[in-house]
Amino acid sequence: MLSTGVVVFEFQYQKQQLTVNRELMLKLQDQIRENLNRADNCTKEKVHNFRNK
């Protein structure tokens, strides 16, 4: 049988992990969005340059 302290600690740990995972997901989303914008801008530049030639 688990003691109450262990159960509470486990719950706190899992809550903390959820917060950490959420933060990482948000950072990852921002990074992906940034990369997509950069790729989009790069593509637009290439199309623009191609039209100028």
N, C-alpha and C. Protein backbone atom coordinates (compact mmCIF):
# COMPACT_ATOMS: atom_id res chain seq x y z
N MET A 1 0.84 -1.20 0.00
CA MET A 1 0.00 0.00 0.00
C MET A 1 0.88 1.25 0.00
N LEU A 2 0.54 2.20 -0.85
CA LEU A 2 1.30 3.45 -0.95
C LEU A 2 0.91 4.40 0.17
N SER A 3 1.90 5.11 0.68
CA SER A 3 1.60 6.12 1.70
C SER A 3 1.04 7.37 1.01
N THR A 4 0.33 8.17 1.78
CA THR A 4 -0.28 9.39 1.25
C THR A 4 0.77 10.33 0.67
N GLY A 5 1.92 10.41 1.34
CA GLY A 5 3.01 11.28 0.89
C GLY A 5 3.47 10.92 -0.50
N VAL A 6 3.60 9.63 -0.76
CA VAL A 6 4.06 9.17 -2.07
C VAL A 6 3.03 9.51 -3.14
N VAL A 7 1.76 9.30 -2.83
CA VAL A 7 0.68 9.60 -3.78
C VAL A 7 0.65 11.09 -4.09
N VAL A 8 0.75 11.93 -3.06
CA VAL A 8 0.73 13.38 -3.25
C VAL A 8 1.94 13.80 -4.08
N PHE A 9 3.11 13.25 -3.75
CA PHE A 9 4.32 13.58 -4.49
C PHE A 9 4.17 13.19 -5.95
N GLU A 10 3.65 12.00 -6.19
CA GLU A 10 3.45 11.50 -7.56
C GLU A 10 2.50 12.43 -8.32
N PHE A 11 1.43 12.86 -7.66
CA PHE A 11 0.46 13.76 -8.29
C PHE A 11 1.11 15.09 -8.63
N GLN A 12 1.87 15.65 -7.67
CA GLN A 12 2.57 16.92 -7.89
C GLN A 12 3.53 16.79 -9.06
N TYR A 13 4.26 15.67 -9.09
CA TYR A 13 5.25 15.44 -10.15
C TYR A 13 4.56 15.39 -11.51
N GLN A 14 3.44 14.67 -11.58
CA GLN A 14 2.72 14.56 -12.85
C GLN A 14 2.17 15.92 -13.28
N LYS A 15 1.68 16.71 -12.32
CA LYS A 15 1.18 18.05 -12.64
C LYS A 15 2.31 18.91 -13.20
N GLN A 16 3.48 18.80 -12.56
CA GLN A 16 4.65 19.56 -13.01
C GLN A 16 5.05 19.12 -14.42
N GLN A 17 5.03 17.83 -14.67
CA GLN A 17 5.38 17.31 -16.00
C GLN A 17 4.42 17.83 -17.06
N LEU A 18 3.14 17.89 -16.72
CA LEU A 18 2.15 18.42 -17.67
C LEU A 18 2.46 19.87 -18.01
N THR A 19 2.83 20.64 -16.99
CA THR A 19 3.18 22.05 -17.21
C THR A 19 4.40 22.16 -18.10
N VAL A 20 5.42 21.36 -17.80
CA VAL A 20 6.66 21.37 -18.60
C VAL A 20 6.35 20.97 -20.03
N ASN A 21 5.59 19.90 -20.20
CA ASN A 21 5.23 19.43 -21.55
C ASN A 21 4.46 20.49 -22.31
N ARG A 22 3.56 21.18 -21.62
CA ARG A 22 2.76 22.23 -22.26
C ARG A 22 3.67 23.37 -22.73
N GLU A 23 4.61 23.76 -21.86
CA GLU A 23 5.56 24.82 -22.22
C GLU A 23 6.37 24.41 -23.45
N LEU A 24 6.83 23.16 -23.45
CA LEU A 24 7.63 22.67 -24.59
C LEU A 24 6.80 22.66 -25.86
N MET A 25 5.55 22.24 -25.75
CA MET A 25 4.67 22.22 -26.92
C MET A 25 4.47 23.63 -27.48
N LEU A 26 4.27 24.60 -26.59
CA LEU A 26 4.07 25.98 -27.04
C LEU A 26 5.32 26.52 -27.72
N LYS A 27 6.49 26.21 -27.15
CA LYS A 27 7.75 26.65 -27.76
C LYS A 27 7.91 26.00 -29.13
N LEU A 28 7.58 24.72 -29.20
CA LEU A 28 7.70 23.99 -30.46
C LEU A 28 6.76 24.58 -31.51
N GLN A 29 5.53 24.89 -31.10
CA GLN A 29 4.56 25.51 -32.02
C GLN A 29 5.10 26.82 -32.56
N ASP A 30 5.65 27.64 -31.66
CA ASP A 30 6.21 28.93 -32.09
C ASP A 30 7.34 28.73 -33.08
N GLN A 31 8.20 27.74 -32.79
CA GLN A 31 9.33 27.47 -33.66
C GLN A 31 8.86 27.00 -35.04
N ILE A 32 7.87 26.13 -35.05
CA ILE A 32 7.33 25.62 -36.32
C ILE A 32 6.71 26.77 -37.11
N ARG A 33 5.94 27.61 -36.41
CA ARG A 33 5.31 28.76 -37.07
C ARG A 33 6.37 29.68 -37.67
N GLU A 34 7.43 29.92 -36.90
CA GLU A 34 8.53 30.77 -37.36
C GLU A 34 9.20 30.16 -38.59
N ASN A 35 9.45 28.86 -38.54
CA ASN A 35 10.08 28.18 -39.68
C ASN A 35 9.20 28.21 -40.91
N LEU A 36 7.90 28.03 -40.72
CA LEU A 36 6.97 28.08 -41.86
C LEU A 36 6.95 29.47 -42.47
N ASN A 37 6.94 30.49 -41.62
CA ASN A 37 6.96 31.87 -42.12
C ASN A 37 8.23 32.14 -42.89
N ARG A 38 9.36 31.66 -42.35
CA ARG A 38 10.64 31.86 -43.02
C ARG A 38 10.65 31.14 -44.37
N ALA A 39 10.14 29.92 -44.39
CA ALA A 39 10.09 29.14 -45.63
C ALA A 39 9.17 29.83 -46.64
N ASP A 40 8.05 30.36 -46.14
CA ASP A 40 7.10 31.06 -46.99
C ASP A 40 7.74 32.31 -47.59
N ASN A 41 8.45 33.07 -46.77
CA ASN A 41 9.13 34.27 -47.25
C ASN A 41 10.20 33.92 -48.28
N CYS A 42 10.93 32.85 -48.01
CA CYS A 42 11.99 32.40 -48.92
C CYS A 42 11.38 32.02 -50.27
N THR A 43 10.26 31.31 -50.24
CA THR A 43 9.57 30.89 -51.46
C THR A 43 9.10 32.11 -52.24
N LYS A 44 8.53 33.08 -51.53
CA LYS A 44 8.05 34.30 -52.19
C LYS A 44 9.21 35.04 -52.86
N GLU A 45 10.36 35.10 -52.16
CA GLU A 45 11.54 35.76 -52.73
C GLU A 45 11.99 35.05 -54.00
N LYS A 46 12.01 33.72 -53.95
CA LYS A 46 12.45 32.95 -55.12
C LYS A 46 11.51 33.17 -56.30
N VAL A 47 10.22 33.17 -56.04
CA VAL A 47 9.24 33.40 -57.10
C VAL A 47 9.42 34.81 -57.65
N HIS A 48 9.61 35.77 -56.76
CA HIS A 48 9.81 37.17 -57.16
C HIS A 48 11.06 37.30 -58.03
N ASN A 49 12.15 36.67 -57.59
CA ASN A 49 13.41 36.71 -58.35
C ASN A 49 13.25 36.05 -59.71
N PHE A 50 12.52 34.96 -59.74
CA PHE A 50 12.30 34.23 -60.98
C PHE A 50 11.55 35.12 -61.98
N ARG A 51 10.58 35.87 -61.48
CA ARG A 51 9.79 36.76 -62.35
C ARG A 51 10.64 37.89 -62.90
N ASN A 52 11.62 38.34 -62.12
CA ASN A 52 12.47 39.46 -62.55
C ASN A 52 13.46 39.06 -63.64
N LYS A 53 13.77 37.78 -63.74
CA LYS A 53 14.77 37.33 -64.72
C LYS A 53 14.23 37.34 -66.13
